[in-house]
Structure formats: structure tokens, C-alpha cells
């Protein structure tokens, strides 16, 4: 079997705090992938996707806010540099906007992330998103038209997962943490993502164990890690100075059943979602 080279991808673990009346804590945004998806169909995942050539383009550098490219290279551990590294962060913002309608961007010259909290703003950014999804405009076109810069400093690198070598579709995916900007609401695109839900990490794992919430292994392990924290700020703080290594699982055929093995020896079964 010829091993497929993994493509660069990015995903955003979008978090929001809960009110004290709800016992505090935080929720995570889960997106339901379409049954027609070639990759992990019918699964609840974090918004994201592969890096496009446009994400790596020289022109996009003009629309990056106050973030140090050398720092981005350093955070990625030197595995990617320059436009290759920056493109991963840009893809994280673009895919999140495309799939669930949340935009991590700021008015040029401002550190404030757009809030989209008026009817006019909501209508304008929904129109921008439709243009992006229909390919009538690129992300660069939209940023230029709206005079925005990407708020890459709101992304916090959390983990890295590489699709098992036995898979016909493979991605080298960087996982980022981000707090949802005030005033912005999630709205799935209806094509790649056919549903979305805010849910606590613990509740998502409970529903997975009950067979009601299908997820792939990187998502399950990430939610388990998030259960260690009490607030969004704690999750973000945990990323500072964090040493991140890639995680490469293995698929194993055990008497006709495909299982997934993690580097630390865990074995996951029931990998096919219920449709």
C-alpha cells in the first residue's frame, strides 16, 4: 500500500463561558459533518479544514494583525516557516468563518474583534460569508472590502494530530483554542456542516459513550483534556509555553474490526458512525 502524504489542516476549538447560574464552566462548539463528507462523515468535530493555496499567498500577509511571524514559526516548532506556517493560522480563521460563521478579525488599526451585534453588521457579514462559500470572493477580497485584519493573536496552539498512515485521506492538523467573540453567534453552513451544538466537554463524552454523539479519536482525546479545566481562561493559559509533539495513531484490523491505537496504548473501537 502506498502511503498518502498528509495535507496541512487547521481546526479551532471554539469555547464560551457559562453563566454562574449554570454552575460556571465552559462549553465547546461542536460541528456535525455532512453524511456526504469524504472525511469523517456524520461525526461531531471542531470547525476546520485543510490549508488552501490562497491561505499561503503573499497578499494575505497585508491582512494579518499584530502578530509576529517569527513567533508563529516558533510555536509550530520549526516544522513550517514563513508563509507555510502563517497559512495554517489563516486557514483556521477562514474555515471557522465558512463552517460556523464566527469571524476572528478586527477593524484595521484596532485590537477589538468584530462583535457583529447589530442587525446591519449581521447582515453584512452573512453576505460576506455567502460570497466566500460561493467563491464569488476570496477571504482576501472580503478583508480588503471590509477593511479588516485577521485576529491571529486570538488563536492559541493546543495540539497536533496526524491521520493514521493506513487512511486514504490524511491530514496534518493543528488544533487551536479560541474564545468566541462577544456578540457573535454560530450558524452552520448547511453543506459541509449540517448541524452545530454548544456542549460541555463532559456532556459530549457522556453522549459519545451512550452512542448518541459520534466522534473521532482526536476529538474524544481533546475533550478529555479539556475536562481538566474549569474556565476558558484556564484552557488558554495552559497553551503558554506548551511543548507540542505530533500524535500519530494506528489503524489495526482485529478479526475484521478496525480499531484505532494511540501512541500511549489506548484502543478505540466502534469507529463507524450510526447514520
C-alpha atoms as a PDB file:
ATOM      1  CA  UNK A   1       0.000   0.000   0.000  1.00  0.00           C
ATOM      2  CA  UNK A   2       1.299   3.459  -0.971  1.00  0.00           C
ATOM      3  CA  UNK A   3       1.297   5.826   1.984  1.00  0.00           C
ATOM      4  CA  UNK A   4      -0.519   9.118   1.356  1.00  0.00           C
ATOM      5  CA  UNK A   5       1.330  12.300   2.345  1.00  0.00           C
ATOM      6  CA  UNK A   6      -0.817  14.256   4.848  1.00  0.00           C
ATOM      7  CA  UNK A   7      -2.024  17.712   3.840  1.00  0.00           C
ATOM      8  CA  UNK A   8      -1.761  20.665   6.229  1.00  0.00           C
ATOM      9  CA  UNK A   9      -5.003  21.455   8.032  1.00  0.00           C
ATOM     10  CA  UNK A  10      -6.244  23.515  10.968  1.00  0.00           C
ATOM     11  CA  UNK A  11      -9.147  23.254  13.384  1.00  0.00           C
ATOM     12  CA  UNK A  12     -10.435  25.642  16.039  1.00  0.00           C
ATOM     13  CA  UNK A  13     -11.741  24.526  19.423  1.00  0.00           C
ATOM     14  CA  UNK A  14     -14.151  27.400  19.986  1.00  0.00           C
ATOM     15  CA  UNK A  15     -15.030  27.940  23.672  1.00  0.00           C
ATOM     16  CA  UNK A  16     -17.546  30.083  25.528  1.00  0.00           C
ATOM     17  CA  UNK A  17     -18.030  30.581  29.253  1.00  0.00           C
ATOM     18  CA  UNK A  18     -21.229  29.647  31.040  1.00  0.00           C
ATOM     19  CA  UNK A  19     -23.105  31.873  33.475  1.00  0.00           C
ATOM     20  CA  UNK A  20     -22.770  31.378  37.259  1.00  0.00           C
ATOM     21  CA  UNK A  21     -26.417  30.264  37.250  1.00  0.00           C
ATOM     22  CA  UNK A  22     -25.284  27.333  35.088  1.00  0.00           C
ATOM     23  CA  UNK A  23     -22.624  26.425  37.682  1.00  0.00           C
ATOM     24  CA  UNK A  24     -19.899  28.175  35.695  1.00  0.00           C
ATOM     25  CA  UNK A  25     -17.561  26.178  33.487  1.00  0.00           C
ATOM     26  CA  UNK A  26     -17.493  26.423  29.703  1.00  0.00           C
ATOM     27  CA  UNK A  27     -18.915  24.915  26.552  1.00  0.00           C
ATOM     28  CA  UNK A  28     -17.262  23.904  23.298  1.00  0.00           C
ATOM     29  CA  UNK A  29     -18.717  24.334  19.811  1.00  0.00           C
ATOM     30  CA  UNK A  30     -19.199  21.018  18.012  1.00  0.00           C
ATOM     31  CA  UNK A  31     -19.971  20.875  14.285  1.00  0.00           C
ATOM     32  CA  UNK A  32     -21.737  17.910  12.664  1.00  0.00           C
ATOM     33  CA  UNK A  33     -20.136  16.914   9.378  1.00  0.00           C
ATOM     34  CA  UNK A  34     -22.386  16.037   6.473  1.00  0.00           C
ATOM     35  CA  UNK A  35     -23.115  12.396   5.634  1.00  0.00           C
ATOM     36  CA  UNK A  36     -21.753  13.247   2.161  1.00  0.00           C
ATOM     37  CA  UNK A  37     -18.367  14.282   3.530  1.00  0.00           C
ATOM     38  CA  UNK A  38     -15.414  12.262   2.243  1.00  0.00           C
ATOM     39  CA  UNK A  39     -13.622  12.679   5.570  1.00  0.00           C
ATOM     40  CA  UNK A  40     -15.207  11.605   8.901  1.00  0.00           C
ATOM     41  CA  UNK A  41     -18.853  11.859   7.730  1.00  0.00           C
ATOM     42  CA  UNK A  42     -21.648  12.033  10.332  1.00  0.00           C
ATOM     43  CA  UNK A  43     -19.126  12.951  13.029  1.00  0.00           C
ATOM     44  CA  UNK A  44     -19.112  15.786  15.537  1.00  0.00           C
ATOM     45  CA  UNK A  45     -15.865  17.694  15.124  1.00  0.00           C
ATOM     46  CA  UNK A  46     -14.367  21.110  15.770  1.00  0.00           C
ATOM     47  CA  UNK A  47     -14.688  23.555  12.838  1.00  0.00           C
ATOM     48  CA  UNK A  48     -11.755  23.335  10.443  1.00  0.00           C
ATOM     49  CA  UNK A  49     -10.303  22.029   7.228  1.00  0.00           C
ATOM     50  CA  UNK A  50      -7.270  21.885   5.005  1.00  0.00           C
ATOM     51  CA  UNK A  51      -4.972  24.776   4.136  1.00  0.00           C
ATOM     52  CA  UNK A  52      -5.595  26.245   0.667  1.00  0.00           C
ATOM     53  CA  UNK A  53      -3.022  27.869  -1.608  1.00  0.00           C
ATOM     54  CA  UNK A  54      -4.762  31.219  -1.063  1.00  0.00           C
ATOM     55  CA  UNK A  55      -4.123  30.942   2.686  1.00  0.00           C
ATOM     56  CA  UNK A  56      -0.380  30.873   1.943  1.00  0.00           C
ATOM     57  CA  UNK A  57      -0.431  33.703  -0.606  1.00  0.00           C
ATOM     58  CA  UNK A  58       1.875  36.692  -0.220  1.00  0.00           C
ATOM     59  CA  UNK A  59      -1.109  39.038  -0.400  1.00  0.00           C
ATOM     60  CA  UNK A  60      -2.659  37.685   2.783  1.00  0.00           C
ATOM     61  CA  UNK A  61       0.260  38.995   4.858  1.00  0.00           C
ATOM     62  CA  UNK A  62      -1.191  42.528   4.480  1.00  0.00           C
ATOM     63  CA  UNK A  63      -4.283  41.437   6.379  1.00  0.00           C
ATOM     64  CA  UNK A  64      -2.596  39.897   9.394  1.00  0.00           C
ATOM     65  CA  UNK A  65      -2.981  41.857  12.621  1.00  0.00           C
ATOM     66  CA  UNK A  66      -0.353  42.424  15.324  1.00  0.00           C
ATOM     67  CA  UNK A  67       1.260  39.002  15.368  1.00  0.00           C
ATOM     68  CA  UNK A  68       4.926  38.136  14.931  1.00  0.00           C
ATOM     69  CA  UNK A  69       5.558  35.710  12.044  1.00  0.00           C
ATOM     70  CA  UNK A  70       8.716  34.510  13.758  1.00  0.00           C
ATOM     71  CA  UNK A  71       6.624  33.731  16.832  1.00  0.00           C
ATOM     72  CA  UNK A  72       4.237  31.697  14.689  1.00  0.00           C
ATOM     73  CA  UNK A  73       7.214  29.767  13.296  1.00  0.00           C
ATOM     74  CA  UNK A  74       8.444  29.157  16.841  1.00  0.00           C
ATOM     75  CA  UNK A  75       5.063  27.994  18.130  1.00  0.00           C
ATOM     76  CA  UNK A  76       4.858  25.446  15.321  1.00  0.00           C
ATOM     77  CA  UNK A  77       8.226  24.090  16.432  1.00  0.00           C
ATOM     78  CA  UNK A  78      10.032  24.966  13.232  1.00  0.00           C
ATOM     79  CA  UNK A  79       8.112  22.322  11.253  1.00  0.00           C
ATOM     80  CA  UNK A  80       6.763  25.087   8.993  1.00  0.00           C
ATOM     81  CA  UNK A  81       8.180  28.528   8.302  1.00  0.00           C
ATOM     82  CA  UNK A  82       7.166  31.796   6.666  1.00  0.00           C
ATOM     83  CA  UNK A  83       4.042  31.693   4.500  1.00  0.00           C
ATOM     84  CA  UNK A  84       3.678  27.928   5.050  1.00  0.00           C
ATOM     85  CA  UNK A  85       3.351  28.493   8.803  1.00  0.00           C
ATOM     86  CA  UNK A  86       1.197  31.604   8.509  1.00  0.00           C
ATOM     87  CA  UNK A  87      -1.145  29.806   6.113  1.00  0.00           C
ATOM     88  CA  UNK A  88      -2.083  27.294   8.812  1.00  0.00           C
ATOM     89  CA  UNK A  89      -3.249  30.074  11.133  1.00  0.00           C
ATOM     90  CA  UNK A  90      -5.084  31.858   8.322  1.00  0.00           C
ATOM     91  CA  UNK A  91      -6.846  28.619   7.334  1.00  0.00           C
ATOM     92  CA  UNK A  92      -8.039  28.240  10.929  1.00  0.00           C
ATOM     93  CA  UNK A  93      -9.810  31.617  10.728  1.00  0.00           C
ATOM     94  CA  UNK A  94     -11.184  31.064   7.226  1.00  0.00           C
ATOM     95  CA  UNK A  95     -12.561  27.585   7.893  1.00  0.00           C
ATOM     96  CA  UNK A  96     -14.231  28.693  11.134  1.00  0.00           C
ATOM     97  CA  UNK A  97     -15.938  31.566   9.308  1.00  0.00           C
ATOM     98  CA  UNK A  98     -17.015  29.319   6.432  1.00  0.00           C
ATOM     99  CA  UNK A  99     -18.327  26.423   8.513  1.00  0.00           C
ATOM    100  CA  UNK A 100     -19.893  28.083  11.568  1.00  0.00           C
ATOM    101  CA  UNK A 101     -19.968  31.812  10.765  1.00  0.00           C
ATOM    102  CA  UNK A 102     -17.642  33.010  13.534  1.00  0.00           C
ATOM    103  CA  UNK A 103     -15.073  35.561  12.321  1.00  0.00           C
ATOM    104  CA  UNK A 104     -11.827  36.211  14.192  1.00  0.00           C
ATOM    105  CA  UNK A 105     -10.998  39.572  12.644  1.00  0.00           C
ATOM    106  CA  UNK A 106     -10.607  43.182  13.755  1.00  0.00           C
ATOM    107  CA  UNK A 107     -11.211  46.596  12.154  1.00  0.00           C
ATOM    108  CA  UNK A 108      -7.859  47.725  10.764  1.00  0.00           C
ATOM    109  CA  UNK A 109      -5.867  49.518  13.436  1.00  0.00           C
ATOM    110  CA  UNK A 110      -7.988  48.142  16.285  1.00  0.00           C
ATOM    111  CA  UNK A 111      -7.386  45.294  18.735  1.00  0.00           C
ATOM    112  CA  UNK A 112     -11.141  44.721  19.118  1.00  0.00           C
ATOM    113  CA  UNK A 113     -12.529  41.610  17.450  1.00  0.00           C
ATOM    114  CA  UNK A 114     -15.662  42.336  15.417  1.00  0.00           C
ATOM    115  CA  UNK A 115     -18.743  41.723  17.540  1.00  0.00           C
ATOM    116  CA  UNK A 116     -21.471  41.525  14.850  1.00  0.00           C
ATOM    117  CA  UNK A 117     -24.032  42.639  17.436  1.00  0.00           C
ATOM    118  CA  UNK A 118     -26.317  44.823  15.300  1.00  0.00           C
ATOM    119  CA  UNK A 119     -28.755  43.802  12.535  1.00  0.00           C
ATOM    120  CA  UNK A 120     -26.758  45.747   9.933  1.00  0.00           C
ATOM    121  CA  UNK A 121     -23.485  44.087  10.932  1.00  0.00           C
ATOM    122  CA  UNK A 122     -25.061  40.623  10.974  1.00  0.00           C
ATOM    123  CA  UNK A 123     -26.476  41.127   7.505  1.00  0.00           C
ATOM    124  CA  UNK A 124     -23.197  42.451   6.143  1.00  0.00           C
ATOM    125  CA  UNK A 125     -21.068  39.590   7.475  1.00  0.00           C
ATOM    126  CA  UNK A 126     -23.599  36.969   6.427  1.00  0.00           C
ATOM    127  CA  UNK A 127     -23.348  38.396   2.919  1.00  0.00           C
ATOM    128  CA  UNK A 128     -19.537  38.186   3.130  1.00  0.00           C
ATOM    129  CA  UNK A 129     -19.781  34.567   4.194  1.00  0.00           C
ATOM    130  CA  UNK A 130     -22.142  33.705   1.331  1.00  0.00           C
ATOM    131  CA  UNK A 131     -19.690  35.290  -1.100  1.00  0.00           C
ATOM    132  CA  UNK A 132     -16.861  33.222   0.375  1.00  0.00           C
ATOM    133  CA  UNK A 133     -18.798  29.951   0.305  1.00  0.00           C
ATOM    134  CA  UNK A 134     -19.998  30.509  -3.264  1.00  0.00           C
ATOM    135  CA  UNK A 135     -16.460  31.512  -4.338  1.00  0.00           C
ATOM    136  CA  UNK A 136     -17.690  34.920  -5.538  1.00  0.00           C
ATOM    137  CA  UNK A 137     -14.980  36.377  -3.297  1.00  0.00           C
ATOM    138  CA  UNK A 138     -11.854  35.181  -1.532  1.00  0.00           C
ATOM    139  CA  UNK A 139     -11.074  35.853   2.110  1.00  0.00           C
ATOM    140  CA  UNK A 140      -8.520  38.414   0.916  1.00  0.00           C
ATOM    141  CA  UNK A 141     -11.261  40.184  -1.106  1.00  0.00           C
ATOM    142  CA  UNK A 142     -13.539  40.328   1.932  1.00  0.00           C
ATOM    143  CA  UNK A 143     -10.856  41.613   4.289  1.00  0.00           C
ATOM    144  CA  UNK A 144      -9.962  44.342   1.799  1.00  0.00           C
ATOM    145  CA  UNK A 145     -13.603  45.315   1.234  1.00  0.00           C
ATOM    146  CA  UNK A 146     -14.433  45.442   4.958  1.00  0.00           C
ATOM    147  CA  UNK A 147     -11.049  46.953   5.973  1.00  0.00           C
ATOM    148  CA  UNK A 148     -10.332  44.127   8.427  1.00  0.00           C
ATOM    149  CA  UNK A 149      -7.254  42.317   9.660  1.00  0.00           C
ATOM    150  CA  UNK A 150      -7.138  38.728  10.921  1.00  0.00           C
ATOM    151  CA  UNK A 151      -7.016  38.418  14.710  1.00  0.00           C
ATOM    152  CA  UNK A 152      -4.488  35.583  14.733  1.00  0.00           C
ATOM    153  CA  UNK A 153      -3.434  36.549  18.265  1.00  0.00           C
ATOM    154  CA  UNK A 154      -6.797  35.121  19.403  1.00  0.00           C
ATOM    155  CA  UNK A 155      -5.684  31.634  18.317  1.00  0.00           C
ATOM    156  CA  UNK A 156      -3.772  29.546  20.863  1.00  0.00           C
ATOM    157  CA  UNK A 157      -1.975  26.418  19.644  1.00  0.00           C
ATOM    158  CA  UNK A 158      -3.197  23.388  21.612  1.00  0.00           C
ATOM    159  CA  UNK A 159      -2.244  20.130  19.866  1.00  0.00           C
ATOM    160  CA  UNK A 160      -1.294  18.411  16.630  1.00  0.00           C
ATOM    161  CA  UNK A 161      -2.797  15.236  15.171  1.00  0.00           C
ATOM    162  CA  UNK A 162      -1.783  13.368  12.016  1.00  0.00           C
ATOM    163  CA  UNK A 163      -4.229  10.980  10.335  1.00  0.00           C
ATOM    164  CA  UNK A 164      -3.085   7.317  10.572  1.00  0.00           C
ATOM    165  CA  UNK A 165      -0.864   6.104   7.737  1.00  0.00           C
ATOM    166  CA  UNK A 166      -3.426   3.498   6.642  1.00  0.00           C
ATOM    167  CA  UNK A 167      -6.024   6.159   5.770  1.00  0.00           C
ATOM    168  CA  UNK A 168      -6.638   7.089   2.081  1.00  0.00           C
ATOM    169  CA  UNK A 169      -7.252  10.720   3.174  1.00  0.00           C
ATOM    170  CA  UNK A 170      -4.626  12.144   5.520  1.00  0.00           C
ATOM    171  CA  UNK A 171      -4.216  15.479   7.272  1.00  0.00           C
ATOM    172  CA  UNK A 172      -1.563  17.026   9.495  1.00  0.00           C
ATOM    173  CA  UNK A 173      -3.908  19.082  11.660  1.00  0.00           C
ATOM    174  CA  UNK A 174      -3.030  21.790  14.143  1.00  0.00           C
ATOM    175  CA  UNK A 175      -5.643  22.308  16.856  1.00  0.00           C
ATOM    176  CA  UNK A 176      -6.160  25.859  18.148  1.00  0.00           C
ATOM    177  CA  UNK A 177      -8.112  27.213  21.119  1.00  0.00           C
ATOM    178  CA  UNK A 178     -10.170  30.414  20.735  1.00  0.00           C
ATOM    179  CA  UNK A 179     -12.798  32.168  22.832  1.00  0.00           C
ATOM    180  CA  UNK A 180     -15.923  33.108  20.888  1.00  0.00           C
ATOM    181  CA  UNK A 181     -16.008  36.901  20.329  1.00  0.00           C
ATOM    182  CA  UNK A 182     -18.796  38.753  22.180  1.00  0.00           C
ATOM    183  CA  UNK A 183     -21.905  39.258  20.087  1.00  0.00           C
ATOM    184  CA  UNK A 184     -21.101  36.538  17.548  1.00  0.00           C
ATOM    185  CA  UNK A 185     -23.343  33.510  17.148  1.00  0.00           C
ATOM    186  CA  UNK A 186     -22.605  30.208  15.444  1.00  0.00           C
ATOM    187  CA  UNK A 187     -24.514  29.278  12.292  1.00  0.00           C
ATOM    188  CA  UNK A 188     -23.582  26.137  10.319  1.00  0.00           C
ATOM    189  CA  UNK A 189     -23.163  26.373   6.560  1.00  0.00           C
ATOM    190  CA  UNK A 190     -25.670  23.603   5.713  1.00  0.00           C
ATOM    191  CA  UNK A 191     -23.287  21.924   3.275  1.00  0.00           C
ATOM    192  CA  UNK A 192     -20.071  20.641   4.865  1.00  0.00           C
ATOM    193  CA  UNK A 193     -21.585  21.152   8.311  1.00  0.00           C
ATOM    194  CA  UNK A 194     -25.253  20.208   8.746  1.00  0.00           C
ATOM    195  CA  UNK A 195     -25.624  20.982  12.448  1.00  0.00           C
ATOM    196  CA  UNK A 196     -23.867  22.513  15.427  1.00  0.00           C
ATOM    197  CA  UNK A 197     -24.162  22.441  19.186  1.00  0.00           C
ATOM    198  CA  UNK A 198     -22.649  24.149  22.211  1.00  0.00           C
ATOM    199  CA  UNK A 199     -21.974  21.481  24.831  1.00  0.00           C
ATOM    200  CA  UNK A 200     -19.711  20.944  27.827  1.00  0.00           C
ATOM    201  CA  UNK A 201     -16.780  18.586  27.218  1.00  0.00           C
ATOM    202  CA  UNK A 202     -18.052  16.209  29.895  1.00  0.00           C
ATOM    203  CA  UNK A 203     -21.551  16.048  28.415  1.00  0.00           C
ATOM    204  CA  UNK A 204     -20.187  15.418  24.909  1.00  0.00           C
ATOM    205  CA  UNK A 205     -18.132  12.492  26.201  1.00  0.00           C
ATOM    206  CA  UNK A 206     -21.135  11.089  28.086  1.00  0.00           C
ATOM    207  CA  UNK A 207     -23.284  11.194  24.952  1.00  0.00           C
ATOM    208  CA  UNK A 208     -20.478   9.573  22.971  1.00  0.00           C
ATOM    209  CA  UNK A 209     -20.371   6.662  25.429  1.00  0.00           C
ATOM    210  CA  UNK A 210     -24.133   6.301  25.076  1.00  0.00           C
ATOM    211  CA  UNK A 211     -23.781   6.057  21.288  1.00  0.00           C
ATOM    212  CA  UNK A 212     -25.630   9.315  20.603  1.00  0.00           C
ATOM    213  CA  UNK A 213     -22.727  11.571  19.649  1.00  0.00           C
ATOM    214  CA  UNK A 214     -20.230  10.066  17.219  1.00  0.00           C
ATOM    215  CA  UNK A 215     -16.711  11.494  17.325  1.00  0.00           C
ATOM    216  CA  UNK A 216     -13.283  10.533  16.025  1.00  0.00           C
ATOM    217  CA  UNK A 217     -10.382   9.767  18.334  1.00  0.00           C
ATOM    218  CA  UNK A 218      -8.572  13.158  18.232  1.00  0.00           C
ATOM    219  CA  UNK A 219     -11.834  14.879  19.170  1.00  0.00           C
ATOM    220  CA  UNK A 220     -12.501  12.446  22.035  1.00  0.00           C
ATOM    221  CA  UNK A 221      -8.995  12.808  23.477  1.00  0.00           C
ATOM    222  CA  UNK A 222      -9.141  16.610  23.149  1.00  0.00           C
ATOM    223  CA  UNK A 223     -12.430  16.747  25.066  1.00  0.00           C
ATOM    224  CA  UNK A 224     -10.919  14.539  27.777  1.00  0.00           C
ATOM    225  CA  UNK A 225      -8.054  17.018  28.080  1.00  0.00           C
ATOM    226  CA  UNK A 226     -10.466  19.955  28.270  1.00  0.00           C
ATOM    227  CA  UNK A 227     -12.257  18.308  31.198  1.00  0.00           C
ATOM    228  CA  UNK A 228      -9.221  19.144  33.350  1.00  0.00           C
ATOM    229  CA  UNK A 229     -10.017  22.863  33.209  1.00  0.00           C
ATOM    230  CA  UNK A 230     -12.704  24.961  34.891  1.00  0.00           C
ATOM    231  CA  UNK A 231     -12.717  28.110  32.741  1.00  0.00           C
ATOM    232  CA  UNK A 232     -11.891  29.329  29.243  1.00  0.00           C
ATOM    233  CA  UNK A 233      -9.040  31.423  30.672  1.00  0.00           C
ATOM    234  CA  UNK A 234      -7.512  28.311  32.237  1.00  0.00           C
ATOM    235  CA  UNK A 235      -7.545  26.497  28.895  1.00  0.00           C
ATOM    236  CA  UNK A 236      -5.886  29.426  27.135  1.00  0.00           C
ATOM    237  CA  UNK A 237      -3.294  29.813  29.912  1.00  0.00           C
ATOM    238  CA  UNK A 238      -2.355  26.127  29.524  1.00  0.00           C
ATOM    239  CA  UNK A 239      -1.116  26.799  25.979  1.00  0.00           C
ATOM    240  CA  UNK A 240       1.579  29.285  27.052  1.00  0.00           C
ATOM    241  CA  UNK A 241       4.944  27.648  26.716  1.00  0.00           C
ATOM    242  CA  UNK A 242       3.310  24.308  25.956  1.00  0.00           C
ATOM    243  CA  UNK A 243       5.569  21.830  24.168  1.00  0.00           C
ATOM    244  CA  UNK A 244       3.522  20.140  21.449  1.00  0.00           C
ATOM    245  CA  UNK A 245       4.507  16.974  19.644  1.00  0.00           C
ATOM    246  CA  UNK A 246       2.626  15.305  16.824  1.00  0.00           C
ATOM    247  CA  UNK A 247       0.284  12.427  17.616  1.00  0.00           C
ATOM    248  CA  UNK A 248       0.080   9.653  15.059  1.00  0.00           C
ATOM    249  CA  UNK A 249      -2.392   6.839  15.741  1.00  0.00           C
ATOM    250  CA  UNK A 250      -2.551   3.437  14.004  1.00  0.00           C
ATOM    251  CA  UNK A 251      -5.477   1.576  12.459  1.00  0.00           C
ATOM    252  CA  UNK A 252      -5.423  -2.149  13.213  1.00  0.00           C
ATOM    253  CA  UNK A 253      -7.645  -4.873  11.735  1.00  0.00           C
ATOM    254  CA  UNK A 254      -8.584  -7.169  14.622  1.00  0.00           C
ATOM    255  CA  UNK A 255     -10.583 -10.098  13.222  1.00  0.00           C
ATOM    256  CA  UNK A 256     -12.477  -7.904  10.790  1.00  0.00           C
ATOM    257  CA  UNK A 257     -12.960  -4.997  13.193  1.00  0.00           C
ATOM    258  CA  UNK A 258     -10.940  -1.817  12.595  1.00  0.00           C
ATOM    259  CA  UNK A 259      -9.578  -0.408  15.834  1.00  0.00           C
ATOM    260  CA  UNK A 260      -7.526   2.740  16.410  1.00  0.00           C
ATOM    261  CA  UNK A 261      -4.477   2.641  18.656  1.00  0.00           C
ATOM    262  CA  UNK A 262      -2.958   5.763  20.225  1.00  0.00           C
ATOM    263  CA  UNK A 263       0.786   6.125  20.945  1.00  0.00           C
ATOM    264  CA  UNK A 264       0.121   5.732  24.689  1.00  0.00           C
ATOM    265  CA  UNK A 265      -1.510   2.324  24.191  1.00  0.00           C
ATOM    266  CA  UNK A 266      -5.230   3.137  24.246  1.00  0.00           C
ATOM    267  CA  UNK A 267      -7.500   1.236  21.853  1.00  0.00           C
ATOM    268  CA  UNK A 268     -10.707   2.698  20.407  1.00  0.00           C
ATOM    269  CA  UNK A 269     -13.487   0.627  18.837  1.00  0.00           C
ATOM    270  CA  UNK A 270     -16.883   1.370  17.229  1.00  0.00           C
ATOM    271  CA  UNK A 271     -15.277   3.782  14.774  1.00  0.00           C
ATOM    272  CA  UNK A 272     -18.121   3.706  12.199  1.00  0.00           C
ATOM    273  CA  UNK A 273     -20.829   6.295  12.951  1.00  0.00           C
ATOM    274  CA  UNK A 274     -24.519   5.485  13.035  1.00  0.00           C
ATOM    275  CA  UNK A 275     -26.224   7.201  10.102  1.00  0.00           C
END
